[in-house]
Amino acid sequence: MRSILNAYAEGYNLYLSQHRDRAPEWAFEINGADVLAHCRALIILDFATDHQYLRIPSDEAVKGSNMLILGNPRTRSKHGILLANPHLGWDSAYDSTKCT
């Protein structure tokens, strides 16, 4: 698990270093512990919390689909990878990173 979290962080950091001009000023390099902390926060705040107390507008609380797609040139195996999560919306209150 640690290697997966660290690998995600390394990919994020690589993207950030190559596209600094497209990233917000507050974006900074992360490590595997940061990824784990973010995942834990999502689980606690999005799945284990009653949203009525968060006062999230109803249009933001709507669930949707989000995904991560890696094209075959970007993977070690040279096969594309798709990771989808139908429980979190693109613009939820607990947004994940969006890279374009």
PDB file of N, CA and C in Angstrom:
ATOM      1  N   MET A   1       0.818  -1.185   0.000  1.00  0.00           N
ATOM      2  CA  MET A   1       0.000   0.000   0.000  1.00  0.00           C
ATOM      3  C   MET A   1       0.872   1.263   0.000  1.00  0.00           C
ATOM      4  N   ARG A   2       1.930   1.246   0.786  1.00  0.00           N
ATOM      5  CA  ARG A   2       2.817   2.409   0.848  1.00  0.00           C
ATOM      6  C   ARG A   2       3.387   2.731  -0.528  1.00  0.00           C
ATOM      7  N   SER A   3       3.765   1.696  -1.272  1.00  0.00           N
ATOM      8  CA  SER A   3       4.353   1.954  -2.596  1.00  0.00           C
ATOM      9  C   SER A   3       3.318   2.554  -3.551  1.00  0.00           C
ATOM     10  N   ILE A   4       2.061   2.150  -3.425  1.00  0.00           N
ATOM     11  CA  ILE A   4       0.999   2.715  -4.272  1.00  0.00           C
ATOM     12  C   ILE A   4       0.793   4.193  -3.936  1.00  0.00           C
ATOM     13  N   LEU A   5       0.714   4.510  -2.644  1.00  0.00           N
ATOM     14  CA  LEU A   5       0.525   5.895  -2.222  1.00  0.00           C
ATOM     15  C   LEU A   5       1.707   6.766  -2.648  1.00  0.00           C
ATOM     16  N   ASN A   6       2.914   6.246  -2.475  1.00  0.00           N
ATOM     17  CA  ASN A   6       4.106   7.000  -2.880  1.00  0.00           C
ATOM     18  C   ASN A   6       4.161   7.182  -4.394  1.00  0.00           C
ATOM     19  N   ALA A   7       3.764   6.165  -5.135  1.00  0.00           N
ATOM     20  CA  ALA A   7       3.773   6.265  -6.598  1.00  0.00           C
ATOM     21  C   ALA A   7       2.765   7.314  -7.069  1.00  0.00           C
ATOM     22  N   TYR A   8       1.592   7.354  -6.439  1.00  0.00           N
ATOM     23  CA  TYR A   8       0.608   8.386  -6.790  1.00  0.00           C
ATOM     24  C   TYR A   8       1.207   9.768  -6.537  1.00  0.00           C
ATOM     25  N   ALA A   9       1.819   9.941  -5.376  1.00  0.00           N
ATOM     26  CA  ALA A   9       2.424  11.228  -5.024  1.00  0.00           C
ATOM     27  C   ALA A   9       3.525  11.594  -6.020  1.00  0.00           C
ATOM     28  N   GLU A  10       4.338  10.640  -6.421  1.00  0.00           N
ATOM     29  CA  GLU A  10       5.401  10.906  -7.389  1.00  0.00           C
ATOM     30  C   GLU A  10       4.828  11.365  -8.725  1.00  0.00           C
ATOM     31  N   GLY A  11       3.743  10.714  -9.157  1.00  0.00           N
ATOM     32  CA  GLY A  11       3.086  11.120 -10.409  1.00  0.00           C
ATOM     33  C   GLY A  11       2.506  12.520 -10.313  1.00  0.00           C
ATOM     34  N   TYR A  12       1.875  12.812  -9.195  1.00  0.00           N
ATOM     35  CA  TYR A  12       1.329  14.154  -8.957  1.00  0.00           C
ATOM     36  C   TYR A  12       2.451  15.190  -8.993  1.00  0.00           C
ATOM     37  N   ASN A  13       3.533  14.897  -8.286  1.00  0.00           N
ATOM     38  CA  ASN A  13       4.654  15.835  -8.225  1.00  0.00           C
ATOM     39  C   ASN A  13       5.295  16.048  -9.591  1.00  0.00           C
ATOM     40  N   LEU A  14       5.391  14.985 -10.374  1.00  0.00           N
ATOM     41  CA  LEU A  14       5.939  15.106 -11.723  1.00  0.00           C
ATOM     42  C   LEU A  14       5.051  16.019 -12.565  1.00  0.00           C
ATOM     43  N   TYR A  15       3.746  15.775 -12.513  1.00  0.00           N
ATOM     44  CA  TYR A  15       2.823  16.625 -13.269  1.00  0.00           C
ATOM     45  C   TYR A  15       2.956  18.075 -12.817  1.00  0.00           C
ATOM     46  N   LEU A  16       2.990  18.280 -11.510  1.00  0.00           N
ATOM     47  CA  LEU A  16       3.095  19.635 -10.971  1.00  0.00           C
ATOM     48  C   LEU A  16       4.379  20.322 -11.455  1.00  0.00           C
ATOM     49  N   SER A  17       5.491  19.597 -11.464  1.00  0.00           N
ATOM     50  CA  SER A  17       6.756  20.194 -11.895  1.00  0.00           C
ATOM     51  C   SER A  17       6.751  20.525 -13.386  1.00  0.00           C
ATOM     52  N   GLN A  18       6.021  19.750 -14.171  1.00  0.00           N
ATOM     53  CA  GLN A  18       5.980  19.974 -15.618  1.00  0.00           C
ATOM     54  C   GLN A  18       4.926  20.993 -16.040  1.00  0.00           C
ATOM     55  N   HIS A  19       3.974  21.288 -15.152  1.00  0.00           N
ATOM     56  CA  HIS A  19       2.865  22.184 -15.495  1.00  0.00           C
ATOM     57  C   HIS A  19       2.648  23.234 -14.416  1.00  0.00           C
ATOM     58  N   ARG A  20       3.714  23.715 -13.848  1.00  0.00           N
ATOM     59  CA  ARG A  20       3.611  24.674 -12.738  1.00  0.00           C
ATOM     60  C   ARG A  20       2.781  25.886 -13.131  1.00  0.00           C
ATOM     61  N   ASP A  21       2.876  26.313 -14.394  1.00  0.00           N
ATOM     62  CA  ASP A  21       2.146  27.487 -14.855  1.00  0.00           C
ATOM     63  C   ASP A  21       0.630  27.267 -14.886  1.00  0.00           C
ATOM     64  N   ARG A  22       0.189  26.000 -14.888  1.00  0.00           N
ATOM     65  CA  ARG A  22      -1.242  25.691 -14.928  1.00  0.00           C
ATOM     66  C   ARG A  22      -1.800  25.344 -13.551  1.00  0.00           C
ATOM     67  N   ALA A  23      -0.937  25.241 -12.559  1.00  0.00           N
ATOM     68  CA  ALA A  23      -1.368  24.845 -11.213  1.00  0.00           C
ATOM     69  C   ALA A  23      -1.648  26.087 -10.372  1.00  0.00           C
ATOM     70  N   PRO A  24      -2.570  25.970  -9.419  1.00  0.00           N
ATOM     71  CA  PRO A  24      -2.812  27.105  -8.525  1.00  0.00           C
ATOM     72  C   PRO A  24      -1.588  27.376  -7.654  1.00  0.00           C
ATOM     73  N   GLU A  25      -1.473  28.600  -7.167  1.00  0.00           N
ATOM     74  CA  GLU A  25      -0.315  28.988  -6.352  1.00  0.00           C
ATOM     75  C   GLU A  25      -0.165  28.131  -5.103  1.00  0.00           C
ATOM     76  N   TRP A  26      -1.283  27.675  -4.559  1.00  0.00           N
ATOM     77  CA  TRP A  26      -1.241  26.924  -3.308  1.00  0.00           C
ATOM     78  C   TRP A  26      -0.828  25.465  -3.505  1.00  0.00           C
ATOM     79  N   ALA A  27      -0.733  25.007  -4.745  1.00  0.00           N
ATOM     80  CA  ALA A  27      -0.357  23.611  -5.000  1.00  0.00           C
ATOM     81  C   ALA A  27       1.111  23.403  -4.648  1.00  0.00           C
ATOM     82  N   PHE A  28       1.394  22.335  -3.939  1.00  0.00           N
ATOM     83  CA  PHE A  28       2.760  22.031  -3.524  1.00  0.00           C
ATOM     84  C   PHE A  28       3.006  20.541  -3.663  1.00  0.00           C
ATOM     85  N   GLU A  29       4.266  20.144  -3.613  1.00  0.00           N
ATOM     86  CA  GLU A  29       4.591  18.718  -3.708  1.00  0.00           C
ATOM     87  C   GLU A  29       4.027  17.975  -2.508  1.00  0.00           C
ATOM     88  N   ILE A  30       3.678  16.721  -2.737  1.00  0.00           N
ATOM     89  CA  ILE A  30       3.091  15.883  -1.692  1.00  0.00           C
ATOM     90  C   ILE A  30       3.895  14.599  -1.554  1.00  0.00           C
ATOM     91  N   ASN A  31       3.558  13.809  -0.532  1.00  0.00           N
ATOM     92  CA  ASN A  31       4.159  12.486  -0.365  1.00  0.00           C
ATOM     93  C   ASN A  31       3.036  11.479  -0.108  1.00  0.00           C
ATOM     94  N   GLY A  32       3.383  10.227   0.037  1.00  0.00           N
ATOM     95  CA  GLY A  32       2.385   9.178   0.227  1.00  0.00           C
ATOM     96  C   GLY A  32       1.522   9.392   1.457  1.00  0.00           C
ATOM     97  N   ALA A  33       2.095   9.943   2.518  1.00  0.00           N
ATOM     98  CA  ALA A  33       1.307  10.210   3.735  1.00  0.00           C
ATOM     99  C   ALA A  33       0.243  11.263   3.464  1.00  0.00           C
ATOM    100  N   ASP A  34       0.550  12.241   2.612  1.00  0.00           N
ATOM    101  CA  ASP A  34      -0.450  13.255   2.244  1.00  0.00           C
ATOM    102  C   ASP A  34      -1.621  12.617   1.498  1.00  0.00           C
ATOM    103  N   VAL A  35      -1.301  11.695   0.591  1.00  0.00           N
ATOM    104  CA  VAL A  35      -2.350  11.005  -0.171  1.00  0.00           C
ATOM    105  C   VAL A  35      -3.237  10.212   0.783  1.00  0.00           C
ATOM    106  N   LEU A  36      -2.638   9.491   1.701  1.00  0.00           N
ATOM    107  CA  LEU A  36      -3.401   8.717   2.679  1.00  0.00           C
ATOM    108  C   LEU A  36      -4.278   9.635   3.539  1.00  0.00           C
ATOM    109  N   ALA A  37      -3.730  10.748   3.990  1.00  0.00           N
ATOM    110  CA  ALA A  37      -4.502  11.687   4.814  1.00  0.00           C
ATOM    111  C   ALA A  37      -5.695  12.229   4.036  1.00  0.00           C
ATOM    112  N   HIS A  38      -5.497  12.533   2.757  1.00  0.00           N
ATOM    113  CA  HIS A  38      -6.605  13.035   1.938  1.00  0.00           C
ATOM    114  C   HIS A  38      -7.686  11.964   1.781  1.00  0.00           C
ATOM    115  N   CYS A  39      -7.274  10.732   1.542  1.00  0.00           N
ATOM    116  CA  CYS A  39      -8.245   9.632   1.406  1.00  0.00           C
ATOM    117  C   CYS A  39      -9.038   9.442   2.695  1.00  0.00           C
ATOM    118  N   ARG A  40      -8.365   9.489   3.823  1.00  0.00           N
ATOM    119  CA  ARG A  40      -9.052   9.358   5.116  1.00  0.00           C
ATOM    120  C   ARG A  40     -10.038  10.501   5.321  1.00  0.00           C
ATOM    121  N   ALA A  41      -9.646  11.712   4.954  1.00  0.00           N
ATOM    122  CA  ALA A  41     -10.542  12.857   5.097  1.00  0.00           C
ATOM    123  C   ALA A  41     -11.780  12.689   4.227  1.00  0.00           C
ATOM    124  N   LEU A  42     -11.591  12.205   3.003  1.00  0.00           N
ATOM    125  CA  LEU A  42     -12.739  11.968   2.122  1.00  0.00           C
ATOM    126  C   LEU A  42     -13.698  10.954   2.736  1.00  0.00           C
ATOM    127  N   ILE A  43     -13.149   9.876   3.265  1.00  0.00           N
ATOM    128  CA  ILE A  43     -13.997   8.834   3.852  1.00  0.00           C
ATOM    129  C   ILE A  43     -14.763   9.385   5.042  1.00  0.00           C
ATOM    130  N   ILE A  44     -14.081  10.091   5.921  1.00  0.00           N
ATOM    131  CA  ILE A  44     -14.737  10.616   7.123  1.00  0.00           C
ATOM    132  C   ILE A  44     -15.738  11.707   6.766  1.00  0.00           C
ATOM    133  N   LEU A  45     -15.331  12.658   5.935  1.00  0.00           N
ATOM    134  CA  LEU A  45     -16.187  13.805   5.648  1.00  0.00           C
ATOM    135  C   LEU A  45     -17.286  13.517   4.637  1.00  0.00           C
ATOM    136  N   ASP A  46     -17.026  12.637   3.673  1.00  0.00           N
ATOM    137  CA  ASP A  46     -18.022  12.424   2.629  1.00  0.00           C
ATOM    138  C   ASP A  46     -18.913  11.223   2.896  1.00  0.00           C
ATOM    139  N   PHE A  47     -18.389  10.181   3.473  1.00  0.00           N
ATOM    140  CA  PHE A  47     -19.185   8.969   3.637  1.00  0.00           C
ATOM    141  C   PHE A  47     -19.697   8.760   5.056  1.00  0.00           C
ATOM    142  N   ALA A  48     -19.029   9.317   6.043  1.00  0.00           N
ATOM    143  CA  ALA A  48     -19.408   9.051   7.425  1.00  0.00           C
ATOM    144  C   ALA A  48     -20.009  10.273   8.115  1.00  0.00           C
ATOM    145  N   THR A  49     -20.297  11.310   7.363  1.00  0.00           N
ATOM    146  CA  THR A  49     -20.810  12.542   7.949  1.00  0.00           C
ATOM    147  C   THR A  49     -22.188  12.846   7.382  1.00  0.00           C
ATOM    148  N   ASP A  50     -23.052  13.340   8.222  1.00  0.00           N
ATOM    149  CA  ASP A  50     -24.372  13.773   7.789  1.00  0.00           C
ATOM    150  C   ASP A  50     -24.214  15.148   7.145  1.00  0.00           C
ATOM    151  N   HIS A  51     -24.453  15.263   5.855  1.00  0.00           N
ATOM    152  CA  HIS A  51     -24.195  16.493   5.115  1.00  0.00           C
ATOM    153  C   HIS A  51     -25.075  17.663   5.528  1.00  0.00           C
ATOM    154  N   GLN A  52     -26.189  17.401   6.196  1.00  0.00           N
ATOM    155  CA  GLN A  52     -27.045  18.529   6.577  1.00  0.00           C
ATOM    156  C   GLN A  52     -26.324  19.463   7.540  1.00  0.00           C
ATOM    157  N   TYR A  53     -25.379  18.947   8.319  1.00  0.00           N
ATOM    158  CA  TYR A  53     -24.647  19.784   9.256  1.00  0.00           C
ATOM    159  C   TYR A  53     -23.518  20.562   8.591  1.00  0.00           C
ATOM    160  N   LEU A  54     -23.105  20.129   7.395  1.00  0.00           N
ATOM    161  CA  LEU A  54     -22.053  20.828   6.672  1.00  0.00           C
ATOM    162  C   LEU A  54     -22.592  22.017   5.887  1.00  0.00           C
ATOM    163  N   ARG A  55     -23.911  22.070   5.735  1.00  0.00           N
ATOM    164  CA  ARG A  55     -24.578  23.143   4.998  1.00  0.00           C
ATOM    165  C   ARG A  55     -24.044  23.258   3.560  1.00  0.00           C
ATOM    166  N   ILE A  56     -23.865  22.125   2.922  1.00  0.00           N
ATOM    167  CA  ILE A  56     -23.422  22.098   1.528  1.00  0.00           C
ATOM    168  C   ILE A  56     -24.644  22.333   0.648  1.00  0.00           C
ATOM    169  N   PRO A  57     -24.605  23.308  -0.269  1.00  0.00           N
ATOM    170  CA  PRO A  57     -25.746  23.514  -1.163  1.00  0.00           C
ATOM    171  C   PRO A  57     -26.077  22.224  -1.902  1.00  0.00           C
ATOM    172  N   SER A  58     -27.357  22.006  -2.124  1.00  0.00           N
ATOM    173  CA  SER A  58     -27.792  20.726  -2.703  1.00  0.00           C
ATOM    174  C   SER A  58     -27.156  20.438  -4.052  1.00  0.00           C
ATOM    175  N   ASP A  59     -26.895  21.468  -4.874  1.00  0.00           N
ATOM    176  CA  ASP A  59     -26.293  21.201  -6.176  1.00  0.00           C
ATOM    177  C   ASP A  59     -24.843  20.735  -6.051  1.00  0.00           C
ATOM    178  N   GLU A  60     -24.155  21.087  -4.968  1.00  0.00           N
ATOM    179  CA  GLU A  60     -22.789  20.615  -4.763  1.00  0.00           C
ATOM    180  C   GLU A  60     -22.761  19.230  -4.139  1.00  0.00           C
ATOM    181  N   ALA A  61     -23.814  18.853  -3.439  1.00  0.00           N
ATOM    182  CA  ALA A  61     -23.833  17.569  -2.751  1.00  0.00           C
ATOM    183  C   ALA A  61     -24.222  16.427  -3.679  1.00  0.00           C
ATOM    184  N   VAL A  62     -24.625  16.741  -4.906  1.00  0.00           N
ATOM    185  CA  VAL A  62     -25.035  15.709  -5.848  1.00  0.00           C
ATOM    186  C   VAL A  62     -23.833  14.847  -6.209  1.00  0.00           C
ATOM    187  N   LYS A  63     -24.028  13.558  -6.153  1.00  0.00           N
ATOM    188  CA  LYS A  63     -22.944  12.640  -6.503  1.00  0.00           C
ATOM    189  C   LYS A  63     -22.856  12.500  -8.013  1.00  0.00           C
ATOM    190  N   GLY A  64     -21.717  12.133  -8.478  1.00  0.00           N
ATOM    191  CA  GLY A  64     -21.508  11.939  -9.900  1.00  0.00           C
ATOM    192  C   GLY A  64     -20.410  10.939 -10.122  1.00  0.00           C
ATOM    193  N   SER A  65     -19.810  11.007 -11.264  1.00  0.00           N
ATOM    194  CA  SER A  65     -18.710  10.102 -11.574  1.00  0.00           C
ATOM    195  C   SER A  65     -17.438  10.900 -11.750  1.00  0.00           C
ATOM    196  N   ASN A  66     -16.366  10.334 -11.329  1.00  0.00           N
ATOM    197  CA  ASN A  66     -15.066  10.896 -11.640  1.00  0.00           C
ATOM    198  C   ASN A  66     -14.143   9.748 -11.976  1.00  0.00           C
ATOM    199  N   MET A  67     -13.065  10.061 -12.615  1.00  0.00           N
ATOM    200  CA  MET A  67     -12.182   8.972 -13.003  1.00  0.00           C
ATOM    201  C   MET A  67     -10.775   9.477 -13.252  1.00  0.00           C
ATOM    202  N   LEU A  68      -9.888   8.538 -13.296  1.00  0.00           N
ATOM    203  CA  LEU A  68      -8.496   8.783 -13.635  1.00  0.00           C
ATOM    204  C   LEU A  68      -8.190   7.897 -14.831  1.00  0.00           C
ATOM    205  N   ILE A  69      -7.669   8.480 -15.874  1.00  0.00           N
ATOM    206  CA  ILE A  69      -7.340   7.723 -17.080  1.00  0.00           C
ATOM    207  C   ILE A  69      -5.879   7.978 -17.413  1.00  0.00           C
ATOM    208  N   LEU A  70      -5.138   6.908 -17.581  1.00  0.00           N
ATOM    209  CA  LEU A  70      -3.739   7.013 -18.007  1.00  0.00           C
ATOM    210  C   LEU A  70      -3.629   6.367 -19.386  1.00  0.00           C
ATOM    211  N   GLY A  71      -3.130   7.112 -20.339  1.00  0.00           N
ATOM    212  CA  GLY A  71      -2.941   6.576 -21.675  1.00  0.00           C
ATOM    213  C   GLY A  71      -1.786   5.586 -21.714  1.00  0.00           C
ATOM    214  N   ASN A  72      -1.815   4.688 -22.663  1.00  0.00           N
ATOM    215  CA  ASN A  72      -0.806   3.628 -22.726  1.00  0.00           C
ATOM    216  C   ASN A  72       0.634   4.126 -22.812  1.00  0.00           C
ATOM    217  N   PRO A  73       0.922   5.292 -23.400  1.00  0.00           N
ATOM    218  CA  PRO A  73       2.331   5.719 -23.389  1.00  0.00           C
ATOM    219  C   PRO A  73       2.822   6.108 -21.990  1.00  0.00           C
ATOM    220  N   ARG A  74       1.910   6.369 -21.047  1.00  0.00           N
ATOM    221  CA  ARG A  74       2.291   6.857 -19.717  1.00  0.00           C
ATOM    222  C   ARG A  74       2.420   5.743 -18.682  1.00  0.00           C
ATOM    223  N   THR A  75       2.167   4.485 -19.059  1.00  0.00           N
ATOM    224  CA  THR A  75       2.222   3.399 -18.087  1.00  0.00           C
ATOM    225  C   THR A  75       3.411   2.487 -18.366  1.00  0.00           C
ATOM    226  N   ARG A  76       3.906   1.848 -17.335  1.00  0.00           N
ATOM    227  CA  ARG A  76       5.040   0.933 -17.467  1.00  0.00           C
ATOM    228  C   ARG A  76       4.695  -0.241 -18.382  1.00  0.00           C
ATOM    229  N   SER A  77       3.443  -0.736 -18.266  1.00  0.00           N
ATOM    230  CA  SER A  77       3.036  -1.905 -19.058  1.00  0.00           C
ATOM    231  C   SER A  77       2.659  -1.545 -20.491  1.00  0.00           C
ATOM    232  N   LYS A  78       2.554  -0.243 -20.774  1.00  0.00           N
ATOM    233  CA  LYS A  78       2.127   0.264 -22.086  1.00  0.00           C
ATOM    234  C   LYS A  78       0.671  -0.078 -22.388  1.00  0.00           C
ATOM    235  N   HIS A  79      -0.103  -0.364 -21.338  1.00  0.00           N
ATOM    236  CA  HIS A  79      -1.544  -0.556 -21.449  1.00  0.00           C
ATOM    237  C   HIS A  79      -2.226   0.601 -20.737  1.00  0.00           C
ATOM    238  N   GLY A  80      -3.355   1.055 -21.266  1.00  0.00           N
ATOM    239  CA  GLY A  80      -4.098   2.122 -20.625  1.00  0.00           C
ATOM    240  C   GLY A  80      -4.692   1.656 -19.301  1.00  0.00           C
ATOM    241  N   ILE A  81      -4.920   2.604 -18.386  1.00  0.00           N
ATOM    242  CA  ILE A  81      -5.502   2.298 -17.077  1.00  0.00           C
ATOM    243  C   ILE A  81      -6.659   3.264 -16.843  1.00  0.00           C
ATOM    244  N   LEU A  82      -7.786   2.723 -16.382  1.00  0.00           N
ATOM    245  CA  LEU A  82      -8.956   3.531 -16.049  1.00  0.00           C
ATOM    246  C   LEU A  82      -9.368   3.225 -14.619  1.00  0.00           C
ATOM    247  N   LEU A  83      -9.477   4.260 -13.791  1.00  0.00           N
ATOM    248  CA  LEU A  83      -9.964   4.116 -12.423  1.00  0.00           C
ATOM    249  C   LEU A  83     -11.161   5.030 -12.286  1.00  0.00           C
ATOM    250  N   ALA A  84     -12.320   4.478 -12.022  1.00  0.00           N
ATOM    251  CA  ALA A  84     -13.537   5.282 -11.895  1.00  0.00           C
ATOM    252  C   ALA A  84     -14.090   5.167 -10.484  1.00  0.00           C
ATOM    253  N   ASN A  85     -14.667   6.244  -9.996  1.00  0.00           N
ATOM    254  CA  ASN A  85     -15.312   6.274  -8.689  1.00  0.00           C
ATOM    255  C   ASN A  85     -16.673   6.934  -8.870  1.00  0.00           C
ATOM    256  N   PRO A  86     -17.738   6.159  -8.949  1.00  0.00           N
ATOM    257  CA  PRO A  86     -19.058   6.747  -9.205  1.00  0.00           C
ATOM    258  C   PRO A  86     -19.678   7.430  -7.992  1.00  0.00           C
ATOM    259  N   HIS A  87     -18.970   7.512  -6.878  1.00  0.00           N
ATOM    260  CA  HIS A  87     -19.555   8.067  -5.660  1.00  0.00           C
ATOM    261  C   HIS A  87     -19.228   9.529  -5.414  1.00  0.00           C
ATOM    262  N   LEU A  88     -18.221  10.056  -6.073  1.00  0.00           N
ATOM    263  CA  LEU A  88     -17.830  11.447  -5.853  1.00  0.00           C
ATOM    264  C   LEU A  88     -17.981  12.235  -7.146  1.00  0.00           C
ATOM    265  N   GLY A  89     -18.546  13.417  -7.045  1.00  0.00           N
ATOM    266  CA  GLY A  89     -18.730  14.256  -8.219  1.00  0.00           C
ATOM    267  C   GLY A  89     -17.474  15.022  -8.569  1.00  0.00           C
ATOM    268  N   TRP A  90     -17.404  15.512  -9.787  1.00  0.00           N
ATOM    269  CA  TRP A  90     -16.250  16.291 -10.217  1.00  0.00           C
ATOM    270  C   TRP A  90     -16.086  17.545  -9.363  1.00  0.00           C
ATOM    271  N   ASP A  91     -17.176  18.150  -8.973  1.00  0.00           N
ATOM    272  CA  ASP A  91     -17.126  19.404  -8.236  1.00  0.00           C
ATOM    273  C   ASP A  91     -17.693  19.262  -6.832  1.00  0.00           C
ATOM    274  N   SER A  92     -17.427  18.146  -6.192  1.00  0.00           N
ATOM    275  CA  SER A  92     -17.929  17.947  -4.833  1.00  0.00           C
ATOM    276  C   SER A  92     -17.174  18.851  -3.864  1.00  0.00           C
ATOM    277  N   ALA A  93     -17.680  18.948  -2.668  1.00  0.00           N
ATOM    278  CA  ALA A  93     -17.032  19.789  -1.654  1.00  0.00           C
ATOM    279  C   ALA A  93     -15.657  19.255  -1.291  1.00  0.00           C
ATOM    280  N   TYR A  94     -15.390  17.992  -1.581  1.00  0.00           N
ATOM    281  CA  TYR A  94     -14.119  17.354  -1.247  1.00  0.00           C
ATOM    282  C   TYR A  94     -13.439  16.896  -2.501  1.00  0.00           C
ATOM    283  N   ASP A  95     -13.187  17.833  -3.375  1.00  0.00           N
ATOM    284  CA  ASP A  95     -12.632  17.570  -4.696  1.00  0.00           C
ATOM    285  C   ASP A  95     -11.271  16.897  -4.638  1.00  0.00           C
ATOM    286  N   SER A  96     -11.034  16.015  -5.560  1.00  0.00           N
ATOM    287  CA  SER A  96      -9.713  15.444  -5.769  1.00  0.00           C
ATOM    288  C   SER A  96      -9.007  16.295  -6.822  1.00  0.00           C
ATOM    289  N   THR A  97      -7.781  15.960  -7.119  1.00  0.00           N
ATOM    290  CA  THR A  97      -7.007  16.731  -8.082  1.00  0.00           C
ATOM    291  C   THR A  97      -7.527  16.527  -9.490  1.00  0.00           C
ATOM    292  N   LYS A  98      -7.616  17.612 -10.231  1.00  0.00           N
ATOM    293  CA  LYS A  98      -7.997  17.552 -11.644  1.00  0.00           C
ATOM    294  C   LYS A  98      -6.796  17.988 -12.460  1.00  0.00           C
ATOM    295  N   CYS A  99      -6.384  17.168 -13.385  1.00  0.00           N
ATOM    296  CA  CYS A  99      -5.266  17.505 -14.270  1.00  0.00           C
ATOM    297  C   CYS A  99      -5.781  17.537 -15.682  1.00  0.00           C
ATOM    298  N   THR A 100      -5.502  18.596 -16.403  1.00  0.00           N
ATOM    299  CA  THR A 100      -5.947  18.687 -17.797  1.00  0.00           C
ATOM    300  C   THR A 100      -4.759  18.864 -18.707  1.00  0.00           C
TER     301      THR A 100
END
